[in-house]
Amino acid sequence: MEKQLQDAITQLKHLSMELMKAHATRDPMAAHALLGKAIHQSRMEGVDPQLLAEVYQQVFPGQAIPMPRSE
């Protein structure tokens, strides 16, 4: 069961990365904001955003995670 869970996480990571790369190609500012928002939401809920941060760094290498905007 542990292997299946790890395999699923890896697949979701790859899918997320490719979807965000595609989105960033079409609208980089929106993709940047969406990933940043997801990272901050995870932190606010007490969840380690390690996976999201990894996707962020792959899609936007070397860029700082944006601060969330008030809506």
Protein backbone atom coordinates (compact mmCIF):
# COMPACT_ATOMS: atom_id res chain seq x y z
CA MET A 1 0.00 0.00 0.00
CA GLU A 2 2.86 2.41 0.82
CA LYS A 3 4.39 1.88 -2.65
CA GLN A 4 1.04 2.57 -4.30
CA LEU A 5 0.68 5.78 -2.33
CA GLN A 6 4.21 6.92 -3.24
CA ASP A 7 3.59 6.05 -6.90
CA ALA A 8 0.35 8.06 -6.87
CA ILE A 9 2.10 11.05 -5.30
CA THR A 10 4.86 10.89 -7.91
CA GLN A 11 2.34 10.71 -10.74
CA LEU A 12 0.37 13.65 -9.35
CA LYS A 13 3.57 15.65 -8.99
CA HIS A 14 4.49 15.03 -12.63
CA LEU A 15 0.97 15.83 -13.80
CA SER A 16 0.88 19.04 -11.76
CA MET A 17 4.25 20.10 -13.08
CA GLU A 18 3.31 19.56 -16.71
CA LEU A 19 -0.07 21.26 -16.32
CA MET A 20 1.54 24.29 -14.66
CA LYS A 21 4.25 24.45 -17.35
CA ALA A 22 1.53 24.47 -20.00
CA HIS A 23 -0.44 27.12 -18.11
CA ALA A 24 2.71 29.21 -17.59
CA THR A 25 3.35 29.14 -21.33
CA ARG A 26 -0.08 30.62 -21.99
CA ASP A 27 -0.38 32.97 -19.01
CA PRO A 28 2.75 33.15 -16.86
CA MET A 29 1.41 35.77 -14.45
CA ALA A 30 -1.74 33.76 -13.68
CA ALA A 31 0.23 30.52 -13.25
CA HIS A 32 2.68 32.33 -10.95
CA ALA A 33 -0.17 33.68 -8.83
CA LEU A 34 -2.04 30.35 -8.71
CA LEU A 35 0.98 28.38 -7.54
CA GLY A 36 1.85 31.04 -4.99
CA LYS A 37 -1.71 31.03 -3.69
CA ALA A 38 -1.73 27.23 -3.38
CA ILE A 39 1.53 27.33 -1.41
CA HIS A 40 0.24 29.98 0.99
CA GLN A 41 -3.12 28.22 1.43
CA SER A 42 -1.33 25.01 2.35
CA ARG A 43 0.79 26.83 4.92
CA MET A 44 -2.30 28.49 6.41
CA GLU A 45 -3.88 25.04 6.81
CA GLY A 46 -0.77 23.70 8.54
CA VAL A 47 0.31 21.56 5.56
CA ASP A 48 3.94 21.48 4.42
CA PRO A 49 3.88 22.82 0.83
CA GLN A 50 7.07 20.97 -0.15
CA LEU A 51 5.53 19.35 -3.23
CA LEU A 52 3.98 22.62 -4.41
CA ALA A 53 7.24 24.47 -3.83
CA GLU A 54 9.08 21.85 -5.88
CA VAL A 55 6.61 22.28 -8.75
CA TYR A 56 6.93 26.06 -8.41
CA GLN A 57 10.72 25.96 -8.67
CA GLN A 58 10.55 23.70 -11.73
CA VAL A 59 8.08 25.99 -13.49
CA PHE A 60 9.61 29.28 -12.28
CA PRO A 61 13.27 28.50 -11.53
CA GLY A 62 14.97 30.97 -9.24
CA GLN A 63 11.88 33.13 -8.74
CA ALA A 64 10.56 33.98 -5.31
CA ILE A 65 7.14 32.69 -4.34
CA PRO A 66 4.75 35.63 -4.58
CA MET A 67 3.01 37.01 -1.54
CA PRO A 68 -0.72 36.38 -1.58
CA ARG A 69 -2.92 39.28 -2.64
CA SER A 70 -5.96 40.22 -0.66
CA GLU A 71 -9.11 39.68 -2.67
